[in-house]
N, C-alpha and C. Protein backbone atom coordinates (compact mmCIF):
# COMPACT_ATOMS: atom_id res chain seq x y z
N MET A 1 -32.93 -11.86 -14.27
CA MET A 1 -33.00 -10.65 -14.25
C MET A 1 -33.37 -9.61 -14.87
N LEU A 2 -31.49 -9.74 -16.23
CA LEU A 2 -31.39 -8.72 -16.92
C LEU A 2 -32.57 -9.07 -18.63
N GLN A 3 -32.61 -10.30 -18.86
CA GLN A 3 -33.60 -9.74 -19.45
C GLN A 3 -35.13 -9.54 -20.10
N SER A 4 -35.21 -9.39 -18.47
CA SER A 4 -36.65 -9.36 -17.85
C SER A 4 -36.55 -8.01 -17.67
N LEU A 5 -35.86 -7.42 -17.19
CA LEU A 5 -35.09 -5.11 -17.24
C LEU A 5 -35.15 -5.19 -19.25
N ALA A 6 -34.17 -6.30 -19.68
CA ALA A 6 -34.35 -5.52 -20.75
C ALA A 6 -36.17 -5.50 -21.53
N ASN A 7 -36.86 -6.35 -21.95
CA ASN A 7 -37.75 -6.41 -21.76
C ASN A 7 -39.30 -5.77 -21.27
N GLU A 8 -38.48 -5.44 -20.89
CA GLU A 8 -39.41 -4.64 -19.95
C GLU A 8 -39.00 -2.82 -20.64
N VAL A 9 -38.31 -2.62 -20.40
CA VAL A 9 -37.54 -1.17 -20.89
C VAL A 9 -37.84 -2.18 -22.39
N GLU A 10 -37.66 -2.07 -23.21
CA GLU A 10 -38.57 -2.19 -25.04
C GLU A 10 -39.64 -2.30 -25.26
N LYS A 11 -40.45 -2.44 -23.90
CA LYS A 11 -41.81 -3.45 -24.63
C LYS A 11 -42.70 -1.36 -24.14
N LYS A 12 -41.60 -0.29 -22.75
CA LYS A 12 -42.62 0.91 -23.04
C LYS A 12 -41.71 1.21 -24.19
N VAL A 13 -40.43 1.47 -25.14
CA VAL A 13 -40.11 2.86 -24.96
C VAL A 13 -40.79 2.58 -26.49
N ARG A 14 -41.07 1.13 -27.47
CA ARG A 14 -42.24 0.83 -28.21
C ARG A 14 -43.01 1.65 -28.54
N THR A 15 -43.82 1.08 -27.15
CA THR A 15 -45.10 1.97 -27.17
C THR A 15 -45.02 2.66 -26.38
N GLU A 16 -44.28 3.01 -25.66
CA GLU A 16 -44.96 5.16 -25.13
C GLU A 16 -43.96 6.48 -25.74
N MET A 17 -42.74 5.53 -26.73
CA MET A 17 -42.08 6.26 -27.47
C MET A 17 -42.02 6.65 -28.64
N ASP A 18 -43.22 5.57 -29.17
CA ASP A 18 -42.60 4.92 -30.72
C ASP A 18 -41.09 4.52 -31.15
N ILE A 19 -40.09 4.27 -30.31
CA ILE A 19 -38.68 3.72 -31.07
C ILE A 19 -38.21 2.05 -31.20
N LYS A 20 -38.38 1.76 -32.63
CA LYS A 20 -38.08 0.07 -32.16
C LYS A 20 -36.61 0.26 -32.07
N THR A 21 -36.19 -1.03 -31.24
CA THR A 21 -35.31 -1.72 -30.40
C THR A 21 -34.85 -2.87 -30.23
N LYS A 22 -33.78 -3.37 -30.52
CA LYS A 22 -33.60 -5.00 -30.35
C LYS A 22 -32.04 -5.12 -28.86
N ALA A 23 -33.04 -6.11 -28.26
CA ALA A 23 -31.85 -5.68 -27.12
C ALA A 23 -31.14 -7.28 -27.42
N ARG A 24 -29.60 -7.00 -27.36
CA ARG A 24 -28.72 -7.73 -27.70
C ARG A 24 -27.68 -8.13 -27.10
N GLY A 25 -27.11 -9.34 -26.48
CA GLY A 25 -26.16 -9.97 -25.36
C GLY A 25 -27.68 -10.87 -25.02
N LEU A 26 -26.64 -11.51 -24.04
CA LEU A 26 -27.12 -12.41 -23.73
C LEU A 26 -27.71 -13.31 -22.05
N PRO A 27 -28.32 -12.74 -21.02
CA PRO A 27 -28.98 -13.00 -19.67
C PRO A 27 -26.99 -13.74 -19.28
N SER A 28 -26.95 -14.36 -19.55
CA SER A 28 -25.44 -15.54 -19.77
C SER A 28 -24.48 -14.31 -19.43
N SER A 29 -24.48 -13.87 -20.32
CA SER A 29 -23.14 -12.75 -20.21
C SER A 29 -22.80 -11.54 -19.75
N GLY A 30 -24.19 -11.96 -18.85
CA GLY A 30 -24.06 -10.33 -17.84
C GLY A 30 -23.94 -9.10 -18.72
N TRP A 31 -24.37 -8.91 -19.42
CA TRP A 31 -24.50 -7.67 -20.66
C TRP A 31 -25.62 -7.59 -21.35
N ILE A 32 -25.92 -7.20 -21.45
CA ILE A 32 -27.80 -6.57 -22.73
C ILE A 32 -27.48 -5.24 -22.70
N THR A 33 -27.82 -5.25 -23.86
CA THR A 33 -27.62 -3.01 -24.30
C THR A 33 -29.14 -3.08 -24.96
N LEU A 34 -29.54 -1.57 -25.14
CA LEU A 34 -30.93 -1.32 -26.32
C LEU A 34 -29.69 0.09 -26.17
N ASP A 35 -30.39 -0.90 -28.04
CA ASP A 35 -29.45 0.59 -28.94
C ASP A 35 -30.79 1.57 -29.03
N LEU A 36 -31.14 2.49 -28.67
CA LEU A 36 -31.91 3.80 -28.95
C LEU A 36 -32.16 4.78 -30.34
N SER A 37 -31.08 4.41 -30.87
CA SER A 37 -30.05 5.95 -31.35
C SER A 37 -29.60 6.56 -30.81
N ASP A 38 -30.14 7.42 -30.71
CA ASP A 38 -28.99 8.32 -29.80
C ASP A 38 -28.75 8.17 -28.52
N ILE A 39 -29.41 6.58 -27.81
CA ILE A 39 -29.44 6.50 -26.23
C ILE A 39 -28.97 5.25 -26.52
N VAL A 40 -28.02 4.57 -26.09
CA VAL A 40 -27.56 2.99 -25.29
C VAL A 40 -27.60 3.00 -24.50
N ILE A 41 -28.54 2.01 -23.90
CA ILE A 41 -29.30 1.19 -22.49
C ILE A 41 -28.30 -0.10 -22.53
N HIS A 42 -27.92 -0.02 -21.01
CA HIS A 42 -26.41 -0.75 -20.37
C HIS A 42 -27.34 -1.29 -19.93
N PHE A 43 -27.45 -3.31 -19.75
CA PHE A 43 -28.25 -3.90 -18.45
C PHE A 43 -26.55 -4.18 -17.95
N PHE A 44 -26.57 -4.77 -17.09
CA PHE A 44 -25.09 -5.36 -16.40
C PHE A 44 -25.25 -5.76 -15.36
N SER A 45 -25.26 -8.11 -15.10
CA SER A 45 -25.14 -8.52 -13.82
C SER A 45 -23.70 -7.48 -12.55
N PRO A 46 -23.90 -7.51 -11.28
CA PRO A 46 -22.61 -6.75 -10.86
C PRO A 46 -21.63 -7.44 -10.52
N ASP A 47 -20.87 -8.20 -11.18
CA ASP A 47 -19.87 -9.04 -11.55
C ASP A 47 -19.52 -8.17 -12.52
N GLN A 48 -20.22 -7.96 -14.52
CA GLN A 48 -19.72 -7.09 -15.01
C GLN A 48 -19.88 -5.93 -14.90
N ARG A 49 -20.81 -5.36 -14.39
CA ARG A 49 -20.29 -3.71 -13.90
C ARG A 49 -19.19 -3.80 -12.91
N GLU A 50 -19.02 -4.08 -12.03
CA GLU A 50 -17.11 -4.48 -11.71
C GLU A 50 -15.90 -4.18 -13.56
N TYR A 51 -16.41 -5.58 -13.03
CA TYR A 51 -15.53 -5.62 -14.49
C TYR A 51 -15.10 -4.17 -15.59
N TYR A 52 -16.43 -3.73 -16.23
CA TYR A 52 -15.78 -2.74 -17.33
C TYR A 52 -16.07 -1.57 -16.88
N ARG A 53 -16.31 -0.95 -15.70
CA ARG A 53 -16.22 0.52 -14.62
C ARG A 53 -15.89 0.84 -16.12
N LEU A 54 -18.07 0.79 -16.04
CA LEU A 54 -17.71 1.87 -17.65
C LEU A 54 -18.32 3.14 -16.64
N GLU A 55 -18.77 3.65 -15.86
CA GLU A 55 -18.91 5.12 -14.75
C GLU A 55 -17.51 5.28 -14.50
N GLU A 56 -16.51 4.56 -14.97
CA GLU A 56 -14.62 5.48 -14.28
C GLU A 56 -14.13 5.63 -15.76
N LEU A 57 -15.03 4.81 -17.05
CA LEU A 57 -14.35 5.14 -18.34
C LEU A 57 -14.82 6.58 -18.89
N TRP A 58 -16.71 6.93 -18.85
CA TRP A 58 -17.65 8.17 -19.33
C TRP A 58 -16.97 8.47 -17.55
N ASN A 59 -16.98 9.38 -16.59
CA ASN A 59 -17.08 9.45 -15.91
C ASN A 59 -17.45 11.19 -15.93
N GLU A 60 -17.01 12.21 -16.89
CA GLU A 60 -17.23 13.26 -17.62
C GLU A 60 -18.04 13.59 -18.49
N GLY A 61 -19.44 11.82 -18.31
CA GLY A 61 -20.06 12.75 -19.62
C GLY A 61 -21.35 12.62 -18.65
N LYS A 62 -22.25 12.74 -19.36
CA LYS A 62 -23.24 13.07 -18.27
C LYS A 62 -24.45 12.30 -18.16
N VAL A 63 -24.91 12.08 -16.97
CA VAL A 63 -25.57 10.92 -16.12
C VAL A 63 -27.34 10.92 -16.23
N LEU A 64 -28.14 10.11 -17.34
CA LEU A 64 -29.53 10.61 -17.47
C LEU A 64 -29.80 10.36 -16.45
N LEU A 65 -30.01 8.82 -15.66
CA LEU A 65 -30.08 8.15 -14.76
C LEU A 65 -29.60 6.94 -13.98
N ARG A 66 -29.65 6.76 -12.74
CA ARG A 66 -28.62 5.83 -12.70
C ARG A 66 -29.45 4.78 -12.17
N MET A 67 -29.84 3.10 -12.49
CA MET A 67 -30.57 2.26 -11.30
C MET A 67 -29.84 1.54 -10.49
N THR A 68 -29.76 1.02 -9.59
CA THR A 68 -28.51 0.63 -9.26
C THR A 68 -29.52 -0.18 -7.97
């Protein structure tokens, strides 16, 4: 599921925004990232999301989009 989400976002970003990017990470690790230069998109499995708790680390940052 993580790989499918990352692939779809990567495809849309390339075709609609003309931004080249490449997914990093493996679905088996539970964490995939897409680096869009100014924006990094994180795709987490539920277990990894709970473990890293990035929302707490970056709680003062501006949330642009949250998908649960």
